[in-house]
């Protein structure tokens, strides 16, 4: 599962050829969530509120890049790194 971004102790990654809807995985310590890219909402898992807000804000800002990586993953091509939240 390629890591496409890291910020504030949060790791963002995508699986190749993953199921719909388009989403990414976020991990913070022992916590994990799946985030719907198009709706910028948590679809599975739990993460503390502060970190969840950071992930969702980042997802809104980087939506186009996330969709592009999702399409690359579907074609089994190398994913591009995405600028972290600063």
PDB file of N, CA and C in Angstrom:
ATOM      1  N   UNK A   1       0.860  -1.177   0.000  1.00  0.00           N
ATOM      2  CA  UNK A   1       0.000   0.000   0.000  1.00  0.00           C
ATOM      3  C   UNK A   1       0.899   1.231   0.000  1.00  0.00           C
ATOM      4  N   UNK A   2       1.014   1.929  -1.134  1.00  0.00           N
ATOM      5  CA  UNK A   2       1.893   3.095  -1.214  1.00  0.00           C
ATOM      6  C   UNK A   2       1.431   4.271  -0.342  1.00  0.00           C
ATOM      7  N   UNK A   3       2.377   4.852   0.367  1.00  0.00           N
ATOM      8  CA  UNK A   3       2.121   6.058   1.153  1.00  0.00           C
ATOM      9  C   UNK A   3       2.251   7.235   0.201  1.00  0.00           C
ATOM     10  N   UNK A   4       1.208   8.072   0.143  1.00  0.00           N
ATOM     11  CA  UNK A   4       1.231   9.203  -0.780  1.00  0.00           C
ATOM     12  C   UNK A   4       1.446  10.538  -0.073  1.00  0.00           C
ATOM     13  N   UNK A   5       1.284  10.566   1.264  1.00  0.00           N
ATOM     14  CA  UNK A   5       1.536  11.794   2.007  1.00  0.00           C
ATOM     15  C   UNK A   5       1.677  11.478   3.493  1.00  0.00           C
ATOM     16  N   UNK A   6       2.374  12.386   4.195  1.00  0.00           N
ATOM     17  CA  UNK A   6       2.521  12.299   5.651  1.00  0.00           C
ATOM     18  C   UNK A   6       2.497  13.710   6.219  1.00  0.00           C
ATOM     19  N   UNK A   7       1.735  13.892   7.289  1.00  0.00           N
ATOM     20  CA  UNK A   7       1.720  15.195   7.974  1.00  0.00           C
ATOM     21  C   UNK A   7       1.183  15.019   9.390  1.00  0.00           C
ATOM     22  N   UNK A   8       1.778  15.753  10.311  1.00  0.00           N
ATOM     23  CA  UNK A   8       1.351  15.756  11.716  1.00  0.00           C
ATOM     24  C   UNK A   8       1.160  14.351  12.297  1.00  0.00           C
ATOM     25  N   UNK A   9       2.029  13.437  11.927  1.00  0.00           N
ATOM     26  CA  UNK A   9       1.953  12.066  12.432  1.00  0.00           C
ATOM     27  C   UNK A   9       0.913  11.201  11.747  1.00  0.00           C
ATOM     28  N   UNK A  10       0.301  11.729  10.701  1.00  0.00           N
ATOM     29  CA  UNK A  10      -0.737  11.008   9.956  1.00  0.00           C
ATOM     30  C   UNK A  10      -0.131  10.505   8.649  1.00  0.00           C
ATOM     31  N   UNK A  11      -0.419   9.254   8.329  1.00  0.00           N
ATOM     32  CA  UNK A  11       0.073   8.642   7.093  1.00  0.00           C
ATOM     33  C   UNK A  11      -1.113   8.384   6.163  1.00  0.00           C
ATOM     34  N   UNK A  12      -0.993   8.864   4.922  1.00  0.00           N
ATOM     35  CA  UNK A  12      -2.058   8.712   3.931  1.00  0.00           C
ATOM     36  C   UNK A  12      -1.589   7.728   2.866  1.00  0.00           C
ATOM     37  N   UNK A  13      -2.423   6.739   2.548  1.00  0.00           N
ATOM     38  CA  UNK A  13      -2.036   5.737   1.551  1.00  0.00           C
ATOM     39  C   UNK A  13      -3.248   5.270   0.753  1.00  0.00           C
ATOM     40  N   UNK A  14      -2.936   4.570  -0.351  1.00  0.00           N
ATOM     41  CA  UNK A  14      -3.963   3.968  -1.213  1.00  0.00           C
ATOM     42  C   UNK A  14      -3.506   2.577  -1.595  1.00  0.00           C
ATOM     43  N   UNK A  15      -4.479   1.683  -1.735  1.00  0.00           N
ATOM     44  CA  UNK A  15      -4.221   0.349  -2.267  1.00  0.00           C
ATOM     45  C   UNK A  15      -4.383   0.381  -3.780  1.00  0.00           C
ATOM     46  N   UNK A  16      -3.622  -0.456  -4.467  1.00  0.00           N
ATOM     47  CA  UNK A  16      -3.834  -0.633  -5.895  1.00  0.00           C
ATOM     48  C   UNK A  16      -5.092  -1.464  -6.097  1.00  0.00           C
ATOM     49  N   UNK A  17      -5.875  -1.091  -7.101  1.00  0.00           N
ATOM     50  CA  UNK A  17      -7.064  -1.840  -7.493  1.00  0.00           C
ATOM     51  C   UNK A  17      -8.016  -2.076  -6.319  1.00  0.00           C
ATOM     52  N   UNK A  18      -8.232  -1.028  -5.509  1.00  0.00           N
ATOM     53  CA  UNK A  18      -9.122  -1.093  -4.348  1.00  0.00           C
ATOM     54  C   UNK A  18     -10.581  -0.945  -4.795  1.00  0.00           C
ATOM     55  N   UNK A  19     -11.502  -1.240  -3.900  1.00  0.00           N
ATOM     56  CA  UNK A  19     -12.944  -1.179  -4.171  1.00  0.00           C
ATOM     57  C   UNK A  19     -13.451   0.265  -4.211  1.00  0.00           C
ATOM     58  N   UNK A  20     -14.594   0.454  -4.862  1.00  0.00           N
ATOM     59  CA  UNK A  20     -15.265   1.754  -4.865  1.00  0.00           C
ATOM     60  C   UNK A  20     -16.028   1.947  -3.565  1.00  0.00           C
ATOM     61  N   UNK A  21     -16.351   3.161  -3.164  1.00  0.00           N
ATOM     62  CA  UNK A  21     -16.103   4.429  -3.832  1.00  0.00           C
ATOM     63  C   UNK A  21     -14.625   4.818  -3.729  1.00  0.00           C
ATOM     64  N   UNK A  22     -14.181   5.748  -4.579  1.00  0.00           N
ATOM     65  CA  UNK A  22     -12.800   6.214  -4.492  1.00  0.00           C
ATOM     66  C   UNK A  22     -12.500   6.713  -3.077  1.00  0.00           C
ATOM     67  N   UNK A  23     -11.440   6.182  -2.497  1.00  0.00           N
ATOM     68  CA  UNK A  23     -11.126   6.519  -1.112  1.00  0.00           C
ATOM     69  C   UNK A  23      -9.627   6.372  -0.858  1.00  0.00           C
ATOM     70  N   UNK A  24      -9.205   6.852   0.311  1.00  0.00           N
ATOM     71  CA  UNK A  24      -7.836   6.634   0.758  1.00  0.00           C
ATOM     72  C   UNK A  24      -7.867   6.198   2.213  1.00  0.00           C
ATOM     73  N   UNK A  25      -6.743   5.690   2.663  1.00  0.00           N
ATOM     74  CA  UNK A  25      -6.582   5.219   4.028  1.00  0.00           C
ATOM     75  C   UNK A  25      -5.726   6.218   4.795  1.00  0.00           C
ATOM     76  N   UNK A  26      -6.136   6.544   6.012  1.00  0.00           N
ATOM     77  CA  UNK A  26      -5.349   7.425   6.874  1.00  0.00           C
ATOM     78  C   UNK A  26      -5.069   6.673   8.168  1.00  0.00           C
ATOM     79  N   UNK A  27      -3.835   6.781   8.634  1.00  0.00           N
ATOM     80  CA  UNK A  27      -3.425   6.093   9.861  1.00  0.00           C
ATOM     81  C   UNK A  27      -2.745   7.109  10.780  1.00  0.00           C
ATOM     82  N   UNK A  28      -3.121   7.057  12.043  1.00  0.00           N
ATOM     83  CA  UNK A  28      -2.522   7.904  13.069  1.00  0.00           C
ATOM     84  C   UNK A  28      -2.318   7.020  14.296  1.00  0.00           C
ATOM     85  N   UNK A  29      -1.084   6.594  14.513  1.00  0.00           N
ATOM     86  CA  UNK A  29      -0.822   5.657  15.607  1.00  0.00           C
ATOM     87  C   UNK A  29      -1.622   4.385  15.397  1.00  0.00           C
ATOM     88  N   UNK A  30      -2.433   4.036  16.375  1.00  0.00           N
ATOM     89  CA  UNK A  30      -3.248   2.818  16.298  1.00  0.00           C
ATOM     90  C   UNK A  30      -4.583   3.037  15.574  1.00  0.00           C
ATOM     91  N   UNK A  31      -4.881   4.282  15.224  1.00  0.00           N
ATOM     92  CA  UNK A  31      -6.161   4.618  14.612  1.00  0.00           C
ATOM     93  C   UNK A  31      -6.076   4.580  13.086  1.00  0.00           C
ATOM     94  N   UNK A  32      -7.178   4.129  12.472  1.00  0.00           N
ATOM     95  CA  UNK A  32      -7.246   4.051  11.012  1.00  0.00           C
ATOM     96  C   UNK A  32      -8.633   4.458  10.542  1.00  0.00           C
ATOM     97  N   UNK A  33      -8.668   5.216   9.441  1.00  0.00           N
ATOM     98  CA  UNK A  33      -9.944   5.560   8.814  1.00  0.00           C
ATOM     99  C   UNK A  33      -9.827   5.413   7.296  1.00  0.00           C
ATOM    100  N   UNK A  34     -10.965   5.205   6.664  1.00  0.00           N
ATOM    101  CA  UNK A  34     -11.090   5.252   5.213  1.00  0.00           C
ATOM    102  C   UNK A  34     -11.883   6.512   4.906  1.00  0.00           C
ATOM    103  N   UNK A  35     -11.412   7.288   3.936  1.00  0.00           N
ATOM    104  CA  UNK A  35     -12.054   8.562   3.602  1.00  0.00           C
ATOM    105  C   UNK A  35     -12.514   8.558   2.157  1.00  0.00           C
ATOM    106  N   UNK A  36     -13.785   8.832   1.956  1.00  0.00           N
ATOM    107  CA  UNK A  36     -14.369   8.990   0.626  1.00  0.00           C
ATOM    108  C   UNK A  36     -13.789  10.263   0.024  1.00  0.00           C
ATOM    109  N   UNK A  37     -13.129  10.152  -1.115  1.00  0.00           N
ATOM    110  CA  UNK A  37     -12.454  11.300  -1.728  1.00  0.00           C
ATOM    111  C   UNK A  37     -13.459  12.336  -2.222  1.00  0.00           C
ATOM    112  N   UNK A  38     -14.484  11.919  -2.909  1.00  0.00           N
ATOM    113  CA  UNK A  38     -15.430  12.858  -3.513  1.00  0.00           C
ATOM    114  C   UNK A  38     -16.261  13.611  -2.485  1.00  0.00           C
ATOM    115  N   UNK A  39     -16.566  12.961  -1.375  1.00  0.00           N
ATOM    116  CA  UNK A  39     -17.410  13.597  -0.346  1.00  0.00           C
ATOM    117  C   UNK A  39     -16.617  14.112   0.858  1.00  0.00           C
ATOM    118  N   UNK A  40     -15.339  13.779   0.910  1.00  0.00           N
ATOM    119  CA  UNK A  40     -14.483  14.175   2.037  1.00  0.00           C
ATOM    120  C   UNK A  40     -15.157  13.831   3.368  1.00  0.00           C
ATOM    121  N   UNK A  41     -15.491  12.546   3.511  1.00  0.00           N
ATOM    122  CA  UNK A  41     -16.099  12.084   4.767  1.00  0.00           C
ATOM    123  C   UNK A  41     -15.561  10.702   5.113  1.00  0.00           C
ATOM    124  N   UNK A  42     -15.560  10.416   6.399  1.00  0.00           N
ATOM    125  CA  UNK A  42     -15.096   9.117   6.878  1.00  0.00           C
ATOM    126  C   UNK A  42     -16.152   8.073   6.547  1.00  0.00           C
ATOM    127  N   UNK A  43     -15.715   6.970   5.927  1.00  0.00           N
ATOM    128  CA  UNK A  43     -16.661   5.900   5.597  1.00  0.00           C
ATOM    129  C   UNK A  43     -16.425   4.658   6.441  1.00  0.00           C
ATOM    130  N   UNK A  44     -15.305   4.626   7.154  1.00  0.00           N
ATOM    131  CA  UNK A  44     -15.015   3.471   8.012  1.00  0.00           C
ATOM    132  C   UNK A  44     -13.904   3.842   8.986  1.00  0.00           C
ATOM    133  N   UNK A  45     -13.970   3.273  10.186  1.00  0.00           N
ATOM    134  CA  UNK A  45     -12.908   3.428  11.161  1.00  0.00           C
ATOM    135  C   UNK A  45     -13.097   4.608  12.101  1.00  0.00           C
ATOM    136  N   UNK A  46     -12.074   4.815  12.937  1.00  0.00           N
ATOM    137  CA  UNK A  46     -12.104   5.888  13.934  1.00  0.00           C
ATOM    138  C   UNK A  46     -10.714   6.484  14.091  1.00  0.00           C
ATOM    139  N   UNK A  47     -10.697   7.796  14.325  1.00  0.00           N
ATOM    140  CA  UNK A  47      -9.477   8.541  14.590  1.00  0.00           C
ATOM    141  C   UNK A  47      -9.888   9.713  15.486  1.00  0.00           C
ATOM    142  N   UNK A  48      -9.016  10.162  16.391  1.00  0.00           N
ATOM    143  CA  UNK A  48      -9.386  11.312  17.221  1.00  0.00           C
ATOM    144  C   UNK A  48      -9.859  12.504  16.373  1.00  0.00           C
ATOM    145  N   UNK A  49     -10.773  13.255  16.921  1.00  0.00           N
ATOM    146  CA  UNK A  49     -11.423  14.355  16.213  1.00  0.00           C
ATOM    147  C   UNK A  49     -10.439  15.347  15.588  1.00  0.00           C
ATOM    148  N   UNK A  50      -9.419  15.752  16.315  1.00  0.00           N
ATOM    149  CA  UNK A  50      -8.456  16.736  15.791  1.00  0.00           C
ATOM    150  C   UNK A  50      -7.766  16.231  14.533  1.00  0.00           C
ATOM    151  N   UNK A  51      -7.327  14.983  14.567  1.00  0.00           N
ATOM    152  CA  UNK A  51      -6.642  14.408  13.406  1.00  0.00           C
ATOM    153  C   UNK A  51      -7.623  14.160  12.257  1.00  0.00           C
ATOM    154  N   UNK A  52      -8.832  13.750  12.571  1.00  0.00           N
ATOM    155  CA  UNK A  52      -9.842  13.549  11.532  1.00  0.00           C
ATOM    156  C   UNK A  52     -10.110  14.858  10.803  1.00  0.00           C
ATOM    157  N   UNK A  53     -10.228  15.948  11.547  1.00  0.00           N
ATOM    158  CA  UNK A  53     -10.462  17.260  10.921  1.00  0.00           C
ATOM    159  C   UNK A  53      -9.312  17.647  10.004  1.00  0.00           C
ATOM    160  N   UNK A  54      -8.086  17.359  10.413  1.00  0.00           N
ATOM    161  CA  UNK A  54      -6.925  17.650   9.564  1.00  0.00           C
ATOM    162  C   UNK A  54      -6.975  16.841   8.274  1.00  0.00           C
ATOM    163  N   UNK A  55      -7.283  15.560   8.401  1.00  0.00           N
ATOM    164  CA  UNK A  55      -7.347  14.680   7.230  1.00  0.00           C
ATOM    165  C   UNK A  55      -8.445  15.151   6.272  1.00  0.00           C
ATOM    166  N   UNK A  56      -9.599  15.485   6.789  1.00  0.00           N
ATOM    167  CA  UNK A  56     -10.705  15.903   5.920  1.00  0.00           C
ATOM    168  C   UNK A  56     -10.425  17.246   5.256  1.00  0.00           C
ATOM    169  N   UNK A  57      -9.802  18.169   5.982  1.00  0.00           N
ATOM    170  CA  UNK A  57      -9.428  19.462   5.391  1.00  0.00           C
ATOM    171  C   UNK A  57      -8.424  19.241   4.260  1.00  0.00           C
ATOM    172  N   UNK A  58      -7.436  18.380   4.507  1.00  0.00           N
ATOM    173  CA  UNK A  58      -6.441  18.058   3.491  1.00  0.00           C
ATOM    174  C   UNK A  58      -7.107  17.422   2.275  1.00  0.00           C
ATOM    175  N   UNK A  59      -8.070  16.533   2.511  1.00  0.00           N
ATOM    176  CA  UNK A  59      -8.765  15.847   1.413  1.00  0.00           C
ATOM    177  C   UNK A  59      -9.524  16.836   0.532  1.00  0.00           C
ATOM    178  N   UNK A  60     -10.099  17.851   1.123  1.00  0.00           N
ATOM    179  CA  UNK A  60     -10.817  18.875   0.353  1.00  0.00           C
ATOM    180  C   UNK A  60      -9.828  19.667  -0.508  1.00  0.00           C
ATOM    181  N   UNK A  61      -8.727  20.068   0.107  1.00  0.00           N
ATOM    182  CA  UNK A  61      -7.711  20.856  -0.598  1.00  0.00           C
ATOM    183  C   UNK A  61      -7.077  20.054  -1.737  1.00  0.00           C
ATOM    184  N   UNK A  62      -6.844  18.770  -1.518  1.00  0.00           N
ATOM    185  CA  UNK A  62      -6.103  17.928  -2.470  1.00  0.00           C
ATOM    186  C   UNK A  62      -6.989  16.968  -3.265  1.00  0.00           C
ATOM    187  N   UNK A  63      -8.279  17.269  -3.351  1.00  0.00           N
ATOM    188  CA  UNK A  63      -9.233  16.369  -4.000  1.00  0.00           C
ATOM    189  C   UNK A  63      -8.811  15.971  -5.416  1.00  0.00           C
ATOM    190  N   UNK A  64      -8.439  16.926  -6.249  1.00  0.00           N
ATOM    191  CA  UNK A  64      -8.076  16.621  -7.636  1.00  0.00           C
ATOM    192  C   UNK A  64      -6.875  15.680  -7.704  1.00  0.00           C
ATOM    193  N   UNK A  65      -5.882  15.913  -6.852  1.00  0.00           N
ATOM    194  CA  UNK A  65      -4.694  15.059  -6.832  1.00  0.00           C
ATOM    195  C   UNK A  65      -5.030  13.660  -6.327  1.00  0.00           C
ATOM    196  N   UNK A  66      -5.939  13.589  -5.361  1.00  0.00           N
ATOM    197  CA  UNK A  66      -6.363  12.289  -4.841  1.00  0.00           C
ATOM    198  C   UNK A  66      -7.104  11.484  -5.913  1.00  0.00           C
ATOM    199  N   UNK A  67      -7.980  12.152  -6.651  1.00  0.00           N
ATOM    200  CA  UNK A  67      -8.698  11.472  -7.742  1.00  0.00           C
ATOM    201  C   UNK A  67      -7.697  10.981  -8.780  1.00  0.00           C
ATOM    202  N   UNK A  68      -6.706  11.801  -9.097  1.00  0.00           N
ATOM    203  CA  UNK A  68      -5.690  11.392 -10.070  1.00  0.00           C
ATOM    204  C   UNK A  68      -4.953  10.145  -9.577  1.00  0.00           C
ATOM    205  N   UNK A  69      -4.548  10.130  -8.298  1.00  0.00           N
ATOM    206  CA  UNK A  69      -3.874   8.944  -7.757  1.00  0.00           C
ATOM    207  C   UNK A  69      -4.807   7.735  -7.754  1.00  0.00           C
ATOM    208  N   UNK A  70      -6.082   7.939  -7.468  1.00  0.00           N
ATOM    209  CA  UNK A  70      -7.043   6.832  -7.500  1.00  0.00           C
ATOM    210  C   UNK A  70      -7.071   6.201  -8.894  1.00  0.00           C
ATOM    211  N   UNK A  71      -7.112   7.052  -9.923  1.00  0.00           N
ATOM    212  CA  UNK A  71      -7.122   6.554 -11.295  1.00  0.00           C
ATOM    213  C   UNK A  71      -5.818   5.823 -11.632  1.00  0.00           C
ATOM    214  N   UNK A  72      -4.695   6.356 -11.176  1.00  0.00           N
ATOM    215  CA  UNK A  72      -3.412   5.677 -11.385  1.00  0.00           C
ATOM    216  C   UNK A  72      -3.416   4.307 -10.712  1.00  0.00           C
ATOM    217  N   UNK A  73      -3.942   4.244  -9.494  1.00  0.00           N
ATOM    218  CA  UNK A  73      -3.999   2.974  -8.760  1.00  0.00           C
ATOM    219  C   UNK A  73      -4.858   1.957  -9.509  1.00  0.00           C
ATOM    220  N   UNK A  74      -5.958   2.399 -10.079  1.00  0.00           N
ATOM    221  CA  UNK A  74      -6.833   1.504 -10.838  1.00  0.00           C
ATOM    222  C   UNK A  74      -6.114   0.926 -12.056  1.00  0.00           C
ATOM    223  N   UNK A  75      -5.172   1.701 -12.617  1.00  0.00           N
ATOM    224  CA  UNK A  75      -4.415   1.247 -13.777  1.00  0.00           C
ATOM    225  C   UNK A  75      -3.106   0.558 -13.366  1.00  0.00           C
ATOM    226  N   UNK A  76      -2.940   0.357 -12.042  1.00  0.00           N
ATOM    227  CA  UNK A  76      -1.744  -0.294 -11.496  1.00  0.00           C
ATOM    228  C   UNK A  76      -0.463   0.470 -11.844  1.00  0.00           C
ATOM    229  N   UNK A  77      -0.551   1.787 -11.892  1.00  0.00           N
ATOM    230  CA  UNK A  77       0.601   2.633 -12.170  1.00  0.00           C
ATOM    231  C   UNK A  77       1.097   3.281 -10.882  1.00  0.00           C
ATOM    232  N   UNK A  78       2.323   3.774 -10.933  1.00  0.00           N
ATOM    233  CA  UNK A  78       2.922   4.380  -9.746  1.00  0.00           C
ATOM    234  C   UNK A  78       2.145   5.618  -9.326  1.00  0.00           C
ATOM    235  N   UNK A  79       1.852   5.706  -8.029  1.00  0.00           N
ATOM    236  CA  UNK A  79       1.125   6.848  -7.502  1.00  0.00           C
ATOM    237  C   UNK A  79       2.068   8.016  -7.279  1.00  0.00           C
ATOM    238  N   UNK A  80       1.509   9.216  -7.341  1.00  0.00           N
ATOM    239  CA  UNK A  80       2.295  10.421  -7.114  1.00  0.00           C
ATOM    240  C   UNK A  80       2.161  10.866  -5.671  1.00  0.00           C
ATOM    241  N   UNK A  81       3.250  11.373  -5.108  1.00  0.00           N
ATOM    242  CA  UNK A  81       3.211  11.937  -3.754  1.00  0.00           C
ATOM    243  C   UNK A  81       2.365  13.202  -3.798  1.00  0.00           C
ATOM    244  N   UNK A  82       1.657  13.454  -2.713  1.00  0.00           N
ATOM    245  CA  UNK A  82       0.802  14.630  -2.614  1.00  0.00           C
ATOM    246  C   UNK A  82       1.304  15.499  -1.461  1.00  0.00           C
ATOM    247  N   UNK A  83       1.363  16.788  -1.720  1.00  0.00           N
ATOM    248  CA  UNK A  83       1.861  17.758  -0.742  1.00  0.00           C
ATOM    249  C   UNK A  83       1.115  17.599   0.595  1.00  0.00           C
ATOM    250  N   UNK A  84       1.868  17.571   1.688  1.00  0.00           N
ATOM    251  CA  UNK A  84       1.224  17.429   3.006  1.00  0.00           C
ATOM    252  C   UNK A  84       0.543  18.728   3.443  1.00  0.00           C
ATOM    253  N   UNK A  85      -0.271  18.608   4.468  1.00  0.00           N
ATOM    254  CA  UNK A  85      -0.880  19.764   5.108  1.00  0.00           C
ATOM    255  C   UNK A  85       0.178  20.450   5.930  1.00  0.00           C
ATOM    256  N   UNK A  86       0.256  21.750   5.853  1.00  0.00           N
ATOM    257  CA  UNK A  86       1.273  22.506   6.627  1.00  0.00           C
ATOM    258  C   UNK A  86       0.625  23.562   7.481  1.00  0.00           C
TER     259      UNK A  86
END
